[in-house]
Protein backbone atom coordinates (compact mmCIF):
# COMPACT_ATOMS: atom_id res chain seq x y z
CA MET A 1 159.94 63.47 113.30
CA ILE A 2 161.75 62.21 116.47
CA ALA A 3 159.17 59.41 117.66
CA SER A 4 158.87 56.12 116.55
CA ASP A 5 156.88 52.67 117.49
CA GLY A 6 156.57 52.36 121.08
CA ALA A 7 157.60 55.92 122.13
CA TRP A 8 155.90 57.39 125.68
CA GLY A 9 155.56 60.83 126.03
CA ILE A 10 156.65 62.20 129.47
CA LEU A 11 154.68 65.14 130.76
CA GLY A 12 155.90 66.29 134.30
CA GLY A 13 154.70 69.25 136.33
CA THR A 14 153.18 70.68 139.51
CA PHE A 15 149.57 70.18 137.95
CA ASP A 16 148.47 72.61 140.71
CA PRO A 17 146.04 72.48 139.16
CA VAL A 18 146.20 70.69 135.91
CA HIS A 19 144.41 72.55 133.44
CA ASN A 20 143.13 72.62 129.55
CA ALA A 21 146.72 73.70 128.30
CA HIS A 22 148.20 70.79 129.77
CA ILE A 23 145.65 68.29 128.20
CA ARG A 24 146.12 70.15 124.71
CA LEU A 25 149.74 69.79 125.00
CA ALA A 26 149.56 66.00 125.53
CA VAL A 27 146.93 65.74 122.87
CA HIS A 28 149.05 67.61 120.37
CA ALA A 29 152.29 65.82 121.04
CA TYR A 30 150.69 62.47 121.25
CA ASN A 31 149.07 63.38 117.54
CA GLU A 32 152.17 64.75 115.94
CA LEU A 33 154.75 62.43 117.28
CA HIS A 34 152.51 59.38 116.68
CA LEU A 35 153.37 58.18 120.45
CA GLU A 36 152.23 54.81 122.15
CA LYS A 37 150.91 56.95 125.01
CA VAL A 38 151.58 60.09 127.40
CA ILE A 39 152.37 59.52 131.14
CA PHE A 40 151.59 62.82 133.43
CA ILE A 41 153.75 62.72 136.29
CA PRO A 42 153.00 65.18 139.08
CA ALA A 43 156.10 66.41 140.90
CA TYR A 44 156.56 65.84 144.74
CA ILE A 45 158.80 69.07 145.46
CA PRO A 46 159.29 70.88 142.40
CA PRO A 47 162.97 72.37 142.77
CA HIS A 48 162.04 75.86 141.20
CA LYS A 49 159.04 76.30 142.85
CA THR A 50 160.15 76.86 146.43
CA ASP A 51 158.39 80.46 146.80
CA ARG A 52 155.04 79.43 147.60
CA ILE A 53 153.02 76.42 149.43
CA ILE A 54 152.54 73.51 146.99
CA THR A 55 148.88 72.01 147.27
CA GLY A 56 148.98 68.44 148.98
CA GLU A 57 150.11 65.62 146.52
CA LYS A 58 147.21 63.53 147.09
CA HIS A 59 144.98 66.38 145.69
CA ARG A 60 147.18 67.24 142.59
CA LEU A 61 147.32 63.34 141.83
CA GLU A 62 143.87 62.84 141.98
CA MET A 63 143.07 65.85 139.74
CA THR A 64 145.53 64.78 137.33
CA LYS A 65 143.53 61.58 137.25
CA LEU A 66 140.17 63.08 136.83
CA ALA A 67 141.76 65.26 133.83
CA VAL A 68 142.94 62.39 131.77
CA ARG A 69 140.18 59.73 133.01
CA ASP A 70 138.81 59.87 129.55
CA PHE A 71 141.78 59.59 127.36
CA ALA A 72 142.73 56.02 126.81
CA GLU A 73 146.05 56.87 125.51
CA PHE A 74 146.99 58.95 128.71
CA GLU A 75 148.07 57.75 132.02
CA VAL A 76 149.21 58.88 135.40
CA SER A 77 152.15 57.84 137.35
CA ASP A 78 152.86 58.44 141.09
CA ILE A 79 156.66 57.66 140.71
CA GLU A 80 158.03 61.21 141.82
CA LEU A 81 155.48 61.18 144.60
CA LYS A 82 156.82 57.59 146.04
CA LEU A 83 160.31 59.01 145.50
CA SER A 84 159.77 62.06 147.81
CA GLY A 85 162.29 64.93 147.87
CA ALA A 86 162.78 67.31 145.21
CA SER A 87 161.58 65.86 141.82
CA TYR A 88 164.44 65.93 139.53
CA THR A 89 163.32 65.23 135.77
CA ALA A 90 166.97 63.62 135.37
CA ARG A 91 166.25 60.86 138.36
CA THR A 92 162.99 59.88 136.77
CA LEU A 93 164.00 59.61 133.25
CA THR A 94 166.68 57.44 134.26
CA ILE A 95 164.31 55.30 136.09
CA LEU A 96 161.66 55.04 133.06
CA ALA A 97 164.44 54.66 130.66
CA ARG A 98 164.65 51.06 132.18
CA GLN A 99 161.39 49.97 131.20
CA ASN A 100 161.51 52.12 127.97
CA GLN A 101 164.68 53.80 126.07
CA ASN A 102 162.13 55.20 123.47
CA LEU A 103 161.27 58.50 125.69
CA VAL A 104 160.18 62.00 124.58
CA PHE A 105 160.11 64.41 127.28
CA ILE A 106 157.32 67.00 126.65
CA LEU A 107 157.51 70.56 127.95
CA GLY A 108 156.60 74.26 127.24
CA ALA A 109 159.21 76.91 125.80
CA ASP A 110 159.48 78.79 129.08
CA SER A 111 160.81 75.31 130.88
CA PHE A 112 162.73 74.41 127.49
CA MET A 113 164.71 77.82 127.37
CA ALA A 114 165.87 77.05 130.86
CA LEU A 115 166.69 73.60 130.65
CA ASP A 116 170.26 73.57 130.49
CA SER A 117 169.96 75.19 134.25
CA TRP A 118 168.20 72.38 135.37
CA TYR A 119 169.69 69.36 137.54
CA HIS A 120 172.16 67.23 135.24
CA PRO A 121 170.86 68.30 131.95
CA GLU A 122 172.96 66.13 129.99
CA ILE A 123 171.39 63.08 131.56
CA ILE A 124 167.99 64.22 130.61
CA PHE A 125 169.07 64.67 127.09
CA ALA A 126 170.67 61.56 126.89
CA LYS A 127 167.44 59.64 128.31
CA ALA A 128 164.93 60.97 126.06
CA ARG A 129 164.38 63.20 122.87
CA ILE A 130 162.71 66.62 123.44
CA ALA A 131 159.18 68.01 122.33
CA CYS A 132 158.80 71.57 122.80
CA ALA A 133 155.56 73.70 122.52
CA CYS A 134 156.15 76.84 120.69
CA ARG A 135 154.24 79.11 122.99
CA ASP A 136 154.39 81.28 126.11
CA GLY A 137 155.38 84.34 124.26
CA ILE A 138 158.91 83.00 123.23
CA SER A 139 159.48 83.26 119.39
CA ALA A 140 159.89 80.25 117.21
CA GLN A 141 163.78 81.41 116.02
CA SER A 142 164.47 81.86 119.83
CA ILE A 143 163.42 78.08 120.71
CA LYS A 144 165.19 76.94 117.54
CA ASP A 145 168.29 78.72 118.38
CA LYS A 146 168.24 77.27 121.60
CA ALA A 147 167.79 73.65 120.35
CA ASP A 148 170.66 74.11 118.21
CA PHE A 149 172.73 75.12 121.20
CA TYR A 150 171.51 71.91 123.16
CA ASP A 151 172.17 69.87 120.03
CA ARG A 152 175.76 71.28 119.98
CA LYS A 153 176.77 70.89 123.58
CA TYR A 154 174.58 67.80 124.56
CA GLY A 155 173.69 65.91 121.27
CA ALA A 156 170.27 66.79 122.11
CA VAL A 157 167.19 65.72 119.90
CA THR A 158 164.54 68.43 119.57
CA HIS A 159 160.84 68.53 118.03
CA LEU A 160 159.24 71.90 117.91
CA LEU A 161 155.48 71.22 118.09
CA HIS A 162 153.28 73.08 115.90
CA MET A 163 150.66 74.30 118.41
CA ASN A 164 149.08 78.05 118.89
CA ASP A 165 149.93 79.81 122.09
CA THR A 166 147.33 79.19 125.06
CA ASP A 167 147.19 81.83 127.64
CA ILE A 168 146.31 79.57 130.29
CA SER A 169 148.46 79.45 133.55
CA SER A 170 147.73 77.68 136.92
CA THR A 171 148.89 80.57 138.65
CA GLU A 172 146.19 82.63 136.84
CA ILE A 173 143.56 79.64 137.68
CA ARG A 174 144.63 79.88 141.23
CA ARG A 175 144.03 83.49 141.36
CA LEU A 176 140.70 83.60 139.69
CA ILE A 177 139.50 80.93 142.12
CA ALA A 178 140.51 82.83 145.10
CA GLU A 179 139.01 85.99 144.09
CA GLY A 180 135.82 83.88 143.59
CA LYS A 181 135.80 84.20 139.95
CA ASP A 182 134.92 81.25 137.37
CA ALA A 183 137.76 79.42 136.12
CA ASP A 184 135.41 76.93 134.14
CA GLU A 185 136.91 77.36 130.64
CA TYR A 186 140.25 76.65 131.74
CA LEU A 187 139.68 73.50 133.42
CA PRO A 188 138.52 69.82 132.73
CA ALA A 189 135.09 69.81 134.51
CA ALA A 190 135.69 66.99 136.63
CA VAL A 191 138.88 68.67 137.74
CA TYR A 192 137.03 72.07 138.48
CA GLU A 193 134.46 70.22 140.59
CA TYR A 194 136.95 68.63 142.70
CA ILE A 195 138.20 71.80 143.30
CA ARG A 196 135.24 73.28 144.65
CA GLU A 197 134.30 70.12 146.58
CA ASN A 198 137.42 70.45 148.33
CA GLY A 199 137.87 74.12 148.85
CA LEU A 200 141.04 74.45 146.95
CA TYR A 201 142.93 77.57 146.11
CA LEU A 202 140.69 79.72 148.22
CA ARG A 203 142.00 82.79 150.25
CA ASP A 204 141.03 81.81 153.61
CA LYS A 205 142.20 78.26 153.19
CA ARG A 206 145.58 77.03 153.04
CA ASN A 207 146.50 73.93 150.88
CA VAL A 208 147.78 71.56 153.63
CA ARG A 209 149.16 68.27 152.53
CA ILE A 210 146.84 65.24 152.97
């Protein structure tokens, strides 16, 4: 167990759109690690997603708020949207650590495996312990080997969350909506309603920033 009383879980992402797998990951980490709360942080400009147009930050922030509104243990922070520019986790965790030094950074296996290629990974590992979901088609042994490497190189503390793989991605959801197909089972009801009301992810519309 890596968490203790007062630990904050940090779950960042583009959230374009936020979907049920994000919520499941947050719920699982909250329960398994006995966190005080989980903070969802929409990115302004994800450094690793420069190959497509990102939906406007106001839309993504509102969808994230709608997704967590029924969870008293979750909240949404616009810290990265206010900072603007590229959203670097090292910078965000450094700021949050001034409020609480007991941080747990929550992420999926695909991101975890590439974490040492992120901006200043040594700062990430110094400011937060890591909670990694064993999912995304990556073997538990591969994740454990990577966690051992991070421990040796950075002194990282990693907890492997015990949850089943979830075959949901924002990319697939955007594709379904663009093709006029139903994505109801993958999205919180309030988020799906917001997407339809605002015409997001349709082929004939570009999601301009608002």
